[in-house]
Amino acid sequence: MTSLTATSKGAATRDAIIERAYEIARFSGVEGLSIGPLAQAVGMSKSGVFAHFGSREDLQLAVIESAATRFAGAVLLPALSQPRGLPRLRAVMHHWFEWVRGNSGGCVLLGSVTEYDDRPGVLRDQVLLNEQRWRTELRRAIQLAIDCGHLRDGDTDQYAFELYAIPLAVHHESGLFGYEQARRHGDTAVERWIANHSPTA
């Protein structure tokens, strides 16, 4: 086996471990991850898992980072294909709602905020970094809509806060009352928000 083949196999194994750990974290939280049960779930020894992750914390970090990458790929990247302004901002919200649909059993990103918001350390630092990156992207989409004349000029931090609250409500209502009802409320809330912040409002 060449060193390149070994490296590729090692990367594939690591990805498989993260994939399984991500699914466990969806339902049990990032704090619910443990090397022993995870090793059993992927058919490896504990030492085999430790060969890819030096500690439980390293594994947890990898799962949180994986969640952020998945979210960006599902929500942000598809929206970037839309024209700047309201078409792109609406696409962000649409794909965000679709993310909620696909993560109705549990969202690692939302769960990690609850788990680590009051626990200083590298895990909280990564969760905070993920949130800051996403809010930056959301503010950028809002600013582009303002620049295009589609939204009234205003505080983009406040605008982002208000828009961010809608998918959070959709996520919680979806689990309690069903996704379809939550999605209707979410779509209506977005359109009402846009109308209220229109330059002609």
N, C-alpha and C. Protein backbone atom coordinates (compact mmCIF):
# COMPACT_ATOMS: atom_id res chain seq x y z
N MET A 1 0.85 -1.20 0.00
CA MET A 1 0.00 0.00 0.00
C MET A 1 0.88 1.24 0.00
N THR A 2 0.65 2.14 -0.92
CA THR A 2 1.43 3.37 -0.99
C THR A 2 0.99 4.32 0.13
N SER A 3 1.85 5.30 0.42
CA SER A 3 1.51 6.27 1.46
C SER A 3 0.28 7.07 1.07
N LEU A 4 0.10 7.34 -0.23
CA LEU A 4 -1.07 8.08 -0.70
C LEU A 4 -2.33 7.28 -0.47
N THR A 5 -2.27 5.97 -0.78
CA THR A 5 -3.44 5.11 -0.56
C THR A 5 -3.78 5.03 0.92
N ALA A 6 -2.74 4.91 1.75
CA ALA A 6 -2.97 4.84 3.19
C ALA A 6 -3.59 6.13 3.71
N THR A 7 -3.12 7.26 3.18
CA THR A 7 -3.67 8.55 3.60
C THR A 7 -5.13 8.68 3.18
N SER A 8 -5.44 8.24 1.97
CA SER A 8 -6.82 8.30 1.48
C SER A 8 -7.72 7.41 2.31
N LYS A 9 -7.23 6.23 2.63
CA LYS A 9 -8.03 5.30 3.45
C LYS A 9 -8.24 5.87 4.84
N GLY A 10 -7.18 6.49 5.39
CA GLY A 10 -7.31 7.10 6.71
C GLY A 10 -8.32 8.22 6.73
N ALA A 11 -8.31 9.05 5.68
CA ALA A 11 -9.26 10.16 5.58
C ALA A 11 -10.69 9.63 5.45
N ALA A 12 -10.85 8.57 4.68
CA ALA A 12 -12.18 7.98 4.50
C ALA A 12 -12.70 7.40 5.81
N THR A 13 -11.81 6.76 6.56
CA THR A 13 -12.20 6.20 7.85
C THR A 13 -12.59 7.31 8.82
N ARG A 14 -11.80 8.36 8.82
CA ARG A 14 -12.11 9.50 9.71
C ARG A 14 -13.46 10.10 9.35
N ASP A 15 -13.72 10.25 8.05
CA ASP A 15 -15.01 10.80 7.61
C ASP A 15 -16.16 9.89 8.04
N ALA A 16 -15.95 8.58 7.98
CA ALA A 16 -16.99 7.64 8.37
C ALA A 16 -17.28 7.74 9.87
N ILE A 17 -16.24 7.94 10.65
CA ILE A 17 -16.42 8.09 12.09
C ILE A 17 -17.20 9.36 12.39
N ILE A 18 -16.83 10.45 11.72
CA ILE A 18 -17.53 11.72 11.93
C ILE A 18 -18.99 11.61 11.52
N GLU A 19 -19.24 10.91 10.41
CA GLU A 19 -20.62 10.72 9.93
C GLU A 19 -21.47 10.02 10.98
N ARG A 20 -20.93 8.96 11.55
CA ARG A 20 -21.68 8.22 12.57
C ARG A 20 -21.83 9.05 13.83
N ALA A 21 -20.77 9.76 14.21
CA ALA A 21 -20.83 10.59 15.41
C ALA A 21 -21.84 11.72 15.23
N TYR A 22 -21.90 12.26 14.03
CA TYR A 22 -22.86 13.34 13.74
C TYR A 22 -24.29 12.85 13.94
N GLU A 23 -24.58 11.66 13.45
CA GLU A 23 -25.94 11.11 13.60
C GLU A 23 -26.26 10.86 15.07
N ILE A 24 -25.29 10.40 15.83
CA ILE A 24 -25.51 10.20 17.27
C ILE A 24 -25.77 11.55 17.94
N ALA A 25 -24.98 12.57 17.57
CA ALA A 25 -25.11 13.89 18.19
C ALA A 25 -26.45 14.54 17.85
N ARG A 26 -27.02 14.23 16.70
CA ARG A 26 -28.32 14.79 16.34
C ARG A 26 -29.37 14.45 17.38
N PHE A 27 -29.30 13.25 17.93
CA PHE A 27 -30.33 12.80 18.86
C PHE A 27 -29.89 12.82 20.32
N SER A 28 -28.58 12.75 20.57
CA SER A 28 -28.08 12.69 21.94
C SER A 28 -27.27 13.91 22.34
N GLY A 29 -27.04 14.83 21.39
CA GLY A 29 -26.23 16.00 21.68
C GLY A 29 -24.75 15.71 21.53
N VAL A 30 -23.98 16.76 21.39
CA VAL A 30 -22.53 16.60 21.27
C VAL A 30 -21.97 16.03 22.56
N GLU A 31 -22.55 16.40 23.68
CA GLU A 31 -22.11 15.86 24.96
C GLU A 31 -22.44 14.38 25.10
N GLY A 32 -23.35 13.90 24.27
CA GLY A 32 -23.71 12.49 24.31
C GLY A 32 -22.71 11.59 23.60
N LEU A 33 -21.70 12.18 22.98
CA LEU A 33 -20.70 11.39 22.26
C LEU A 33 -19.70 10.78 23.24
N SER A 34 -19.41 9.51 23.03
CA SER A 34 -18.44 8.80 23.85
C SER A 34 -17.65 7.88 22.95
N ILE A 35 -16.35 7.81 23.17
CA ILE A 35 -15.47 7.04 22.29
C ILE A 35 -15.85 5.56 22.26
N GLY A 36 -16.14 4.98 23.41
CA GLY A 36 -16.44 3.55 23.49
C GLY A 36 -17.64 3.14 22.64
N PRO A 37 -18.83 3.70 22.92
CA PRO A 37 -20.00 3.35 22.11
C PRO A 37 -19.84 3.70 20.64
N LEU A 38 -19.15 4.80 20.34
CA LEU A 38 -18.93 5.19 18.94
C LEU A 38 -18.06 4.16 18.24
N ALA A 39 -17.00 3.72 18.91
CA ALA A 39 -16.12 2.70 18.33
C ALA A 39 -16.90 1.43 18.01
N GLN A 40 -17.79 1.06 18.92
CA GLN A 40 -18.61 -0.13 18.70
C GLN A 40 -19.56 0.09 17.51
N ALA A 41 -20.09 1.29 17.41
CA ALA A 41 -21.05 1.59 16.34
C ALA A 41 -20.41 1.53 14.96
N VAL A 42 -19.13 1.90 14.87
CA VAL A 42 -18.44 1.89 13.57
C VAL A 42 -17.59 0.64 13.38
N GLY A 43 -17.66 -0.29 14.34
CA GLY A 43 -16.93 -1.55 14.20
C GLY A 43 -15.43 -1.41 14.34
N MET A 44 -15.01 -0.52 15.23
CA MET A 44 -13.59 -0.32 15.46
C MET A 44 -13.26 -0.46 16.94
N SER A 45 -11.99 -0.54 17.23
CA SER A 45 -11.55 -0.52 18.62
C SER A 45 -11.45 0.92 19.09
N LYS A 46 -11.41 1.11 20.41
CA LYS A 46 -11.23 2.45 20.95
C LYS A 46 -9.93 3.06 20.45
N SER A 47 -8.88 2.26 20.44
CA SER A 47 -7.58 2.76 20.00
C SER A 47 -7.63 3.15 18.53
N GLY A 48 -8.46 2.45 17.74
CA GLY A 48 -8.61 2.80 16.33
C GLY A 48 -9.25 4.16 16.16
N VAL A 49 -10.25 4.45 16.99
CA VAL A 49 -10.88 5.77 16.93
C VAL A 49 -9.92 6.83 17.44
N PHE A 50 -9.20 6.52 18.50
CA PHE A 50 -8.23 7.47 19.05
C PHE A 50 -7.11 7.78 18.07
N ALA A 51 -6.87 6.87 17.13
CA ALA A 51 -5.83 7.12 16.12
C ALA A 51 -6.23 8.28 15.22
N HIS A 52 -7.53 8.53 15.11
CA HIS A 52 -8.03 9.60 14.26
C HIS A 52 -8.39 10.85 15.07
N PHE A 53 -8.73 10.66 16.33
CA PHE A 53 -9.08 11.77 17.21
C PHE A 53 -8.36 11.55 18.53
N GLY A 54 -7.49 12.47 18.88
CA GLY A 54 -6.67 12.28 20.06
C GLY A 54 -7.42 12.32 21.38
N SER A 55 -8.64 12.84 21.33
CA SER A 55 -9.43 12.95 22.55
C SER A 55 -10.91 13.03 22.20
N ARG A 56 -11.75 12.88 23.20
CA ARG A 56 -13.19 13.04 23.00
C ARG A 56 -13.49 14.47 22.55
N GLU A 57 -12.76 15.44 23.11
CA GLU A 57 -12.98 16.83 22.74
C GLU A 57 -12.65 17.07 21.27
N ASP A 58 -11.57 16.44 20.77
CA ASP A 58 -11.23 16.58 19.35
C ASP A 58 -12.35 16.04 18.47
N LEU A 59 -12.93 14.92 18.89
CA LEU A 59 -14.06 14.34 18.16
C LEU A 59 -15.24 15.28 18.18
N GLN A 60 -15.55 15.85 19.33
CA GLN A 60 -16.68 16.77 19.44
C GLN A 60 -16.47 18.00 18.56
N LEU A 61 -15.25 18.53 18.54
CA LEU A 61 -14.94 19.67 17.68
C LEU A 61 -15.17 19.33 16.22
N ALA A 62 -14.72 18.13 15.82
CA ALA A 62 -14.88 17.72 14.43
C ALA A 62 -16.36 17.61 14.05
N VAL A 63 -17.18 17.15 14.97
CA VAL A 63 -18.61 17.02 14.70
C VAL A 63 -19.27 18.40 14.59
N ILE A 64 -18.90 19.32 15.46
CA ILE A 64 -19.45 20.67 15.40
C ILE A 64 -19.05 21.35 14.10
N GLU A 65 -17.79 21.18 13.70
CA GLU A 65 -17.31 21.76 12.44
C GLU A 65 -18.03 21.13 11.25
N SER A 66 -18.26 19.81 11.34
CA SER A 66 -18.97 19.12 10.27
C SER A 66 -20.39 19.65 10.14
N ALA A 67 -21.04 19.92 11.27
CA ALA A 67 -22.40 20.46 11.25
C ALA A 67 -22.43 21.81 10.55
N ALA A 68 -21.45 22.66 10.84
CA ALA A 68 -21.40 23.97 10.22
C ALA A 68 -21.17 23.86 8.72
N THR A 69 -20.31 22.94 8.31
CA THR A 69 -20.05 22.73 6.89
C THR A 69 -21.30 22.24 6.17
N ARG A 70 -22.01 21.32 6.80
CA ARG A 70 -23.26 20.80 6.21
C ARG A 70 -24.29 21.92 6.06
N PHE A 71 -24.40 22.76 7.09
CA PHE A 71 -25.37 23.85 7.06
C PHE A 71 -25.05 24.82 5.93
N ALA A 72 -23.78 25.20 5.82
CA ALA A 72 -23.39 26.12 4.75
C ALA A 72 -23.67 25.52 3.38
N GLY A 73 -23.41 24.23 3.22
CA GLY A 73 -23.65 23.58 1.94
C GLY A 73 -25.12 23.46 1.60
N ALA A 74 -25.96 23.35 2.62
CA ALA A 74 -27.39 23.18 2.38
C ALA A 74 -28.14 24.50 2.28
N VAL A 75 -27.64 25.53 2.96
CA VAL A 75 -28.38 26.80 3.06
C VAL A 75 -27.73 27.93 2.26
N LEU A 76 -26.46 28.18 2.52
CA LEU A 76 -25.81 29.32 1.91
C LEU A 76 -25.45 29.10 0.44
N LEU A 77 -24.77 28.02 0.15
CA LEU A 77 -24.27 27.82 -1.21
C LEU A 77 -25.37 27.80 -2.26
N PRO A 78 -26.50 27.11 -2.03
CA PRO A 78 -27.56 27.16 -3.05
C PRO A 78 -28.13 28.57 -3.23
N ALA A 79 -28.17 29.34 -2.14
CA ALA A 79 -28.73 30.69 -2.23
C ALA A 79 -27.85 31.62 -3.04
N LEU A 80 -26.54 31.35 -3.05
CA LEU A 80 -25.62 32.23 -3.78
C LEU A 80 -25.83 32.19 -5.29
N SER A 81 -26.56 31.19 -5.77
CA SER A 81 -26.83 31.12 -7.21
C SER A 81 -27.96 32.07 -7.62
N GLN A 82 -28.64 32.65 -6.63
CA GLN A 82 -29.74 33.57 -6.91
C GLN A 82 -29.22 35.00 -7.04
N PRO A 83 -29.92 35.85 -7.77
CA PRO A 83 -29.50 37.25 -7.92
C PRO A 83 -29.42 37.94 -6.56
N ARG A 84 -28.51 38.91 -6.47
CA ARG A 84 -28.37 39.66 -5.23
C ARG A 84 -29.65 40.40 -4.90
N GLY A 85 -29.86 40.61 -3.61
CA GLY A 85 -31.05 41.32 -3.17
C GLY A 85 -32.06 40.36 -2.57
N LEU A 86 -33.33 40.70 -2.71
CA LEU A 86 -34.37 39.87 -2.11
C LEU A 86 -34.41 38.44 -2.64
N PRO A 87 -34.14 38.20 -3.96
CA PRO A 87 -34.14 36.81 -4.41
C PRO A 87 -33.15 35.95 -3.62
N ARG A 88 -31.98 36.48 -3.35
CA ARG A 88 -30.98 35.71 -2.59
C ARG A 88 -31.38 35.58 -1.13
N LEU A 89 -31.88 36.67 -0.55
CA LEU A 89 -32.28 36.61 0.86
C LEU A 89 -33.45 35.65 1.05
N ARG A 90 -34.41 35.69 0.14
CA ARG A 90 -35.52 34.73 0.21
C ARG A 90 -35.01 33.30 0.07
N ALA A 91 -34.03 33.10 -0.80
CA ALA A 91 -33.46 31.76 -0.99
C ALA A 91 -32.77 31.27 0.28
N VAL A 92 -32.07 32.18 0.96
CA VAL A 92 -31.45 31.81 2.23
C VAL A 92 -32.50 31.30 3.20
N MET A 93 -33.58 32.04 3.34
CA MET A 93 -34.63 31.64 4.29
C MET A 93 -35.30 30.35 3.84
N HIS A 94 -35.55 30.20 2.53
CA HIS A 94 -36.16 28.97 2.01
C HIS A 94 -35.30 27.76 2.34
N HIS A 95 -34.01 27.85 2.05
CA HIS A 95 -33.14 26.70 2.30
C HIS A 95 -32.94 26.47 3.79
N TRP A 96 -33.02 27.54 4.56
CA TRP A 96 -32.93 27.39 6.02
C TRP A 96 -34.13 26.60 6.53
N PHE A 97 -35.30 26.90 6.02
CA PHE A 97 -36.50 26.15 6.41
C PHE A 97 -36.39 24.68 5.96
N GLU A 98 -35.80 24.46 4.79
CA GLU A 98 -35.60 23.09 4.33
C GLU A 98 -34.61 22.36 5.23
N TRP A 99 -33.62 23.07 5.73
CA TRP A 99 -32.70 22.49 6.70
C TRP A 99 -33.46 22.02 7.94
N VAL A 100 -34.40 22.84 8.40
CA VAL A 100 -35.22 22.46 9.55
C VAL A 100 -35.98 21.17 9.24
N ARG A 101 -36.54 21.09 8.03
CA ARG A 101 -37.28 19.89 7.63
C ARG A 101 -36.39 18.65 7.72
N GLY A 102 -35.16 18.76 7.24
CA GLY A 102 -34.26 17.63 7.23
C GLY A 102 -33.63 17.30 8.56
N ASN A 103 -33.77 18.21 9.53
CA ASN A 103 -33.17 18.00 10.84
C ASN A 103 -34.20 18.04 11.95
N SER A 104 -35.40 17.59 11.62
CA SER A 104 -36.48 17.62 12.61
C SER A 104 -36.18 16.74 13.81
N GLY A 105 -35.37 15.70 13.62
CA GLY A 105 -35.03 14.83 14.75
C GLY A 105 -34.05 15.45 15.71
N GLY A 106 -33.34 16.46 15.25
CA GLY A 106 -32.37 17.13 16.10
C GLY A 106 -31.33 17.84 15.26
N CYS A 107 -31.07 19.09 15.60
CA CYS A 107 -30.09 19.90 14.88
C CYS A 107 -28.84 20.05 15.75
N VAL A 108 -27.71 19.57 15.26
CA VAL A 108 -26.47 19.63 16.03
C VAL A 108 -26.09 21.08 16.31
N LEU A 109 -26.31 21.97 15.35
CA LEU A 109 -25.94 23.36 15.54
C LEU A 109 -26.75 24.02 16.66
N LEU A 110 -28.05 23.86 16.63
CA LEU A 110 -28.88 24.43 17.69
C LEU A 110 -28.59 23.77 19.02
N GLY A 111 -28.44 22.46 18.99
CA GLY A 111 -28.15 21.74 20.23
C GLY A 111 -26.84 22.17 20.85
N SER A 112 -25.83 22.41 20.02
CA SER A 112 -24.52 22.79 20.55
C SER A 112 -24.56 24.16 21.21
N VAL A 113 -25.41 25.06 20.70
CA VAL A 113 -25.55 26.37 21.35
C VAL A 113 -26.10 26.19 22.76
N THR A 114 -27.12 25.36 22.89
CA THR A 114 -27.72 25.12 24.20
C THR A 114 -26.73 24.45 25.14
N GLU A 115 -25.93 23.53 24.59
CA GLU A 115 -24.99 22.78 25.42
C GLU A 115 -23.81 23.62 25.91
N TYR A 116 -23.34 24.54 25.07
CA TYR A 116 -22.07 25.20 25.37
C TYR A 116 -22.12 26.70 25.55
N ASP A 117 -23.31 27.29 25.51
CA ASP A 117 -23.36 28.75 25.59
C ASP A 117 -22.83 29.28 26.92
N ASP A 118 -22.90 28.48 27.98
CA ASP A 118 -22.42 28.94 29.28
C ASP A 118 -21.27 28.10 29.81
N ARG A 119 -20.53 27.44 28.88
CA ARG A 119 -19.43 26.57 29.29
C ARG A 119 -18.15 27.01 28.56
N PRO A 120 -17.36 27.88 29.18
CA PRO A 120 -16.14 28.36 28.52
C PRO A 120 -15.22 27.21 28.12
N GLY A 121 -14.55 27.38 26.99
CA GLY A 121 -13.63 26.36 26.52
C GLY A 121 -13.60 26.33 25.00
N VAL A 122 -12.82 25.39 24.45
CA VAL A 122 -12.64 25.35 23.00
C VAL A 122 -13.94 24.96 22.27
N LEU A 123 -14.79 24.18 22.90
CA LEU A 123 -16.04 23.80 22.24
C LEU A 123 -16.97 25.01 22.13
N ARG A 124 -17.07 25.77 23.19
CA ARG A 124 -17.88 26.99 23.12
C ARG A 124 -17.28 27.96 22.10
N ASP A 125 -15.95 28.04 22.07
CA ASP A 125 -15.29 28.94 21.10
C ASP A 125 -15.66 28.56 19.67
N GLN A 126 -15.72 27.25 19.38
CA GLN A 126 -16.06 26.82 18.03
C GLN A 126 -17.53 27.10 17.71
N VAL A 127 -18.40 26.86 18.69
CA VAL A 127 -19.82 27.15 18.51
C VAL A 127 -20.02 28.64 18.24
N LEU A 128 -19.32 29.47 19.02
CA LEU A 128 -19.43 30.92 18.83
C LEU A 128 -18.91 31.34 17.46
N LEU A 129 -17.80 30.74 17.03
CA LEU A 129 -17.24 31.06 15.72
C LEU A 129 -18.23 30.70 14.62
N ASN A 130 -18.87 29.54 14.73
CA ASN A 130 -19.87 29.12 13.75
C ASN A 130 -21.01 30.14 13.67
N GLU A 131 -21.48 30.58 14.85
CA GLU A 131 -22.58 31.54 14.89
C GLU A 131 -22.16 32.88 14.28
N GLN A 132 -20.96 33.31 14.61
CA GLN A 132 -20.48 34.59 14.07
C GLN A 132 -20.35 34.54 12.55
N ARG A 133 -19.85 33.42 12.03
CA ARG A 133 -19.70 33.28 10.58
C ARG A 133 -21.06 33.34 9.90
N TRP A 134 -22.04 32.63 10.47
CA TRP A 134 -23.34 32.61 9.83
C TRP A 134 -24.03 33.97 9.90
N ARG A 135 -23.93 34.62 11.04
CA ARG A 135 -24.56 35.93 11.16
C ARG A 135 -23.89 36.94 10.21
N THR A 136 -22.61 36.80 9.98
CA THR A 136 -21.92 37.65 9.01
C THR A 136 -22.50 37.44 7.61
N GLU A 137 -22.71 36.18 7.25
CA GLU A 137 -23.29 35.88 5.93
C GLU A 137 -24.72 36.41 5.82
N LEU A 138 -25.48 36.28 6.90
CA LEU A 138 -26.85 36.76 6.88
C LEU A 138 -26.88 38.28 6.77
N ARG A 139 -26.02 38.96 7.51
CA ARG A 139 -25.94 40.42 7.39
C ARG A 139 -25.51 40.84 5.99
N ARG A 140 -24.61 40.09 5.39
CA ARG A 140 -24.17 40.41 4.03
C ARG A 140 -25.33 40.31 3.05
N ALA A 141 -26.13 39.27 3.17
CA ALA A 141 -27.29 39.11 2.28
C ALA A 141 -28.29 40.25 2.49
N ILE A 142 -28.46 40.65 3.74
CA ILE A 142 -29.37 41.76 4.04
C ILE A 142 -28.84 43.07 3.46
N GLN A 143 -27.54 43.31 3.63
CA GLN A 143 -26.95 44.54 3.12
C GLN A 143 -27.05 44.62 1.60
N LEU A 144 -26.88 43.48 0.93
CA LEU A 144 -27.03 43.47 -0.52
C LEU A 144 -28.45 43.83 -0.93
N ALA A 145 -29.43 43.35 -0.14
CA ALA A 145 -30.83 43.69 -0.44
C ALA A 145 -31.06 45.19 -0.23
N ILE A 146 -30.40 45.76 0.76
CA ILE A 146 -30.50 47.21 0.98
C ILE A 146 -29.84 47.95 -0.18
N ASP A 147 -28.66 47.50 -0.56
CA ASP A 147 -27.92 48.16 -1.64
C ASP A 147 -28.68 48.10 -2.97
N CYS A 148 -29.44 47.03 -3.15
CA CYS A 148 -30.24 46.88 -4.38
C CYS A 148 -31.53 47.67 -4.34
N GLY A 149 -31.80 48.30 -3.20
CA GLY A 149 -33.02 49.08 -3.06
C GLY A 149 -34.24 48.25 -2.73
N HIS A 150 -34.03 46.99 -2.31
CA HIS A 150 -35.15 46.10 -2.02
C HIS A 150 -35.62 46.20 -0.57
N LEU A 151 -34.72 46.66 0.30
CA LEU A 151 -35.05 46.84 1.72
C LEU A 151 -34.69 48.25 2.14
N ARG A 152 -35.41 48.75 3.12
CA ARG A 152 -35.12 50.07 3.68
C ARG A 152 -33.80 50.02 4.44
N ASP A 153 -33.01 51.06 4.32
CA ASP A 153 -31.75 51.12 5.06
C ASP A 153 -32.01 51.02 6.56
N GLY A 154 -31.15 50.29 7.24
CA GLY A 154 -31.34 50.12 8.68
C GLY A 154 -30.19 49.37 9.30
N ASP A 155 -30.35 49.03 10.56
CA ASP A 155 -29.33 48.33 11.34
C ASP A 155 -29.32 46.86 10.92
N THR A 156 -28.28 46.44 10.19
CA THR A 156 -28.26 45.06 9.69
C THR A 156 -28.12 44.04 10.83
N ASP A 157 -27.51 44.44 11.95
CA ASP A 157 -27.45 43.54 13.11
C ASP A 157 -28.86 43.24 13.62
N GLN A 158 -29.67 44.30 13.73
CA GLN A 158 -31.04 44.11 14.19
C GLN A 158 -31.85 43.32 13.16
N TYR A 159 -31.66 43.65 11.88
CA TYR A 159 -32.36 42.91 10.83
C TYR A 159 -32.03 41.42 10.90
N ALA A 160 -30.74 41.11 11.06
CA ALA A 160 -30.32 39.71 11.12
C ALA A 160 -30.92 39.02 12.33
N PHE A 161 -30.96 39.71 13.46
CA PHE A 161 -31.55 39.15 14.68
C PHE A 161 -33.01 38.78 14.44
N GLU A 162 -33.74 39.67 13.80
CA GLU A 162 -35.16 39.43 13.57
C GLU A 162 -35.38 38.26 12.60
N LEU A 163 -34.60 38.22 11.53
CA LEU A 163 -34.76 37.13 10.57
C LEU A 163 -34.31 35.80 11.17
N TYR A 164 -33.24 35.84 11.97
CA TYR A 164 -32.73 34.63 12.60
C TYR A 164 -33.79 33.99 13.50
N ALA A 165 -34.61 34.83 14.12
CA ALA A 165 -35.61 34.33 15.06
C ALA A 165 -36.68 33.48 14.37
N ILE A 166 -36.92 33.73 13.09
CA ILE A 166 -38.00 33.02 12.40
C ILE A 166 -37.69 31.54 12.23
N PRO A 167 -36.53 31.14 11.69
CA PRO A 167 -36.23 29.71 11.60
C PRO A 167 -36.16 29.02 12.96
N LEU A 168 -35.73 29.76 13.98
CA LEU A 168 -35.71 29.17 15.32
C LEU A 168 -37.14 28.79 15.75
N ALA A 169 -38.07 29.70 15.49
CA ALA A 169 -39.47 29.42 15.83
C ALA A 169 -40.01 28.27 14.98
N VAL A 170 -39.63 28.23 13.70
CA VAL A 170 -40.06 27.13 12.83
C VAL A 170 -39.52 25.80 13.36
N HIS A 171 -38.28 25.79 13.78
CA HIS A 171 -37.69 24.56 14.31
C HIS A 171 -38.46 24.07 15.53
N HIS A 172 -38.74 24.95 16.47
CA HIS A 172 -39.43 24.53 17.70
C HIS A 172 -40.88 24.14 17.41
N GLU A 173 -41.56 24.92 16.58
CA GLU A 173 -42.96 24.59 16.28
C GLU A 173 -43.06 23.30 15.47
N SER A 174 -42.07 23.07 14.62
CA SER A 174 -42.08 21.86 13.81
C SER A 174 -42.08 20.61 14.67
N GLY A 175 -41.25 20.63 15.71
CA GLY A 175 -41.19 19.46 16.58
C GLY A 175 -42.46 19.23 17.38
N LEU A 176 -43.15 20.31 17.70
CA LEU A 176 -44.34 20.19 18.54
C LEU A 176 -45.63 20.01 17.73
N PHE A 177 -45.74 20.74 16.63
CA PHE A 177 -47.01 20.78 15.91
C PHE A 177 -46.93 20.30 14.47
N GLY A 178 -45.75 19.91 14.03
CA GLY A 178 -45.60 19.41 12.67
C GLY A 178 -44.96 20.44 11.76
N TYR A 179 -44.18 19.94 10.80
CA TYR A 179 -43.41 20.82 9.94
C TYR A 179 -44.27 21.68 9.04
N GLU A 180 -45.33 21.12 8.46
CA GLU A 180 -46.12 21.88 7.48
C GLU A 180 -46.73 23.13 8.09
N GLN A 181 -47.27 23.01 9.30
CA GLN A 181 -47.83 24.19 9.96
C GLN A 181 -46.72 25.19 10.26
N ALA A 182 -45.60 24.70 10.77
CA ALA A 182 -44.49 25.59 11.10
C ALA A 182 -43.97 26.29 9.85
N ARG A 183 -43.90 25.58 8.74
CA ARG A 183 -43.39 26.17 7.50
C ARG A 183 -44.33 27.26 7.00
N ARG A 184 -45.62 27.04 7.09
CA ARG A 184 -46.56 28.08 6.67
C ARG A 184 -46.37 29.35 7.50
N HIS A 185 -46.23 29.17 8.80
CA HIS A 185 -46.02 30.32 9.67
C HIS A 185 -44.70 31.01 9.35
N GLY A 186 -43.67 30.21 9.07
CA GLY A 186 -42.37 30.77 8.75
C GLY A 186 -42.38 31.56 7.46
N ASP A 187 -42.96 31.00 6.41
CA ASP A 187 -43.04 31.70 5.12
C ASP A 187 -43.82 33.01 5.26
N THR A 188 -44.93 32.96 6.00
CA THR A 188 -45.73 34.17 6.20
C THR A 188 -44.95 35.21 6.97
N ALA A 189 -44.21 34.78 8.00
CA ALA A 189 -43.43 35.71 8.81
C ALA A 189 -42.34 36.39 7.98
N VAL A 190 -41.68 35.64 7.10
CA VAL A 190 -40.64 36.22 6.25
C VAL A 190 -41.23 37.26 5.32
N GLU A 191 -42.33 36.93 4.67
CA GLU A 191 -42.93 37.88 3.73
C GLU A 191 -43.45 39.12 4.46
N ARG A 192 -43.98 38.93 5.66
CA ARG A 192 -44.44 40.08 6.44
C ARG A 192 -43.26 40.96 6.85
N TRP A 193 -42.15 40.31 7.21
CA TRP A 193 -40.96 41.07 7.59
C TRP A 193 -40.45 41.88 6.39
N ILE A 194 -40.40 41.25 5.23
CA ILE A 194 -39.94 41.94 4.02
C ILE A 194 -40.85 43.13 3.70
N ALA A 195 -42.14 42.92 3.79
CA ALA A 195 -43.09 44.01 3.52
C ALA A 195 -42.91 45.17 4.49
N ASN A 196 -42.68 44.84 5.76
CA ASN A 196 -42.53 45.88 6.79
C ASN A 196 -41.22 46.67 6.61
N HIS A 197 -40.24 46.06 5.93
CA HIS A 197 -38.96 46.73 5.75
C HIS A 197 -38.73 47.16 4.31
N SER A 198 -39.80 47.17 3.54
CA SER A 198 -39.72 47.65 2.17
C SER A 198 -39.47 49.16 2.15
N PRO A 199 -38.74 49.65 1.16
CA PRO A 199 -38.52 51.11 1.07
C PRO A 199 -39.82 51.89 0.96
N THR A 200 -40.87 51.24 0.49
CA THR A 200 -42.15 51.94 0.32
C THR A 200 -43.10 51.75 1.49
N ALA A 201 -42.64 50.99 2.50
CA ALA A 201 -43.53 50.72 3.64
C ALA A 201 -43.72 51.98 4.49
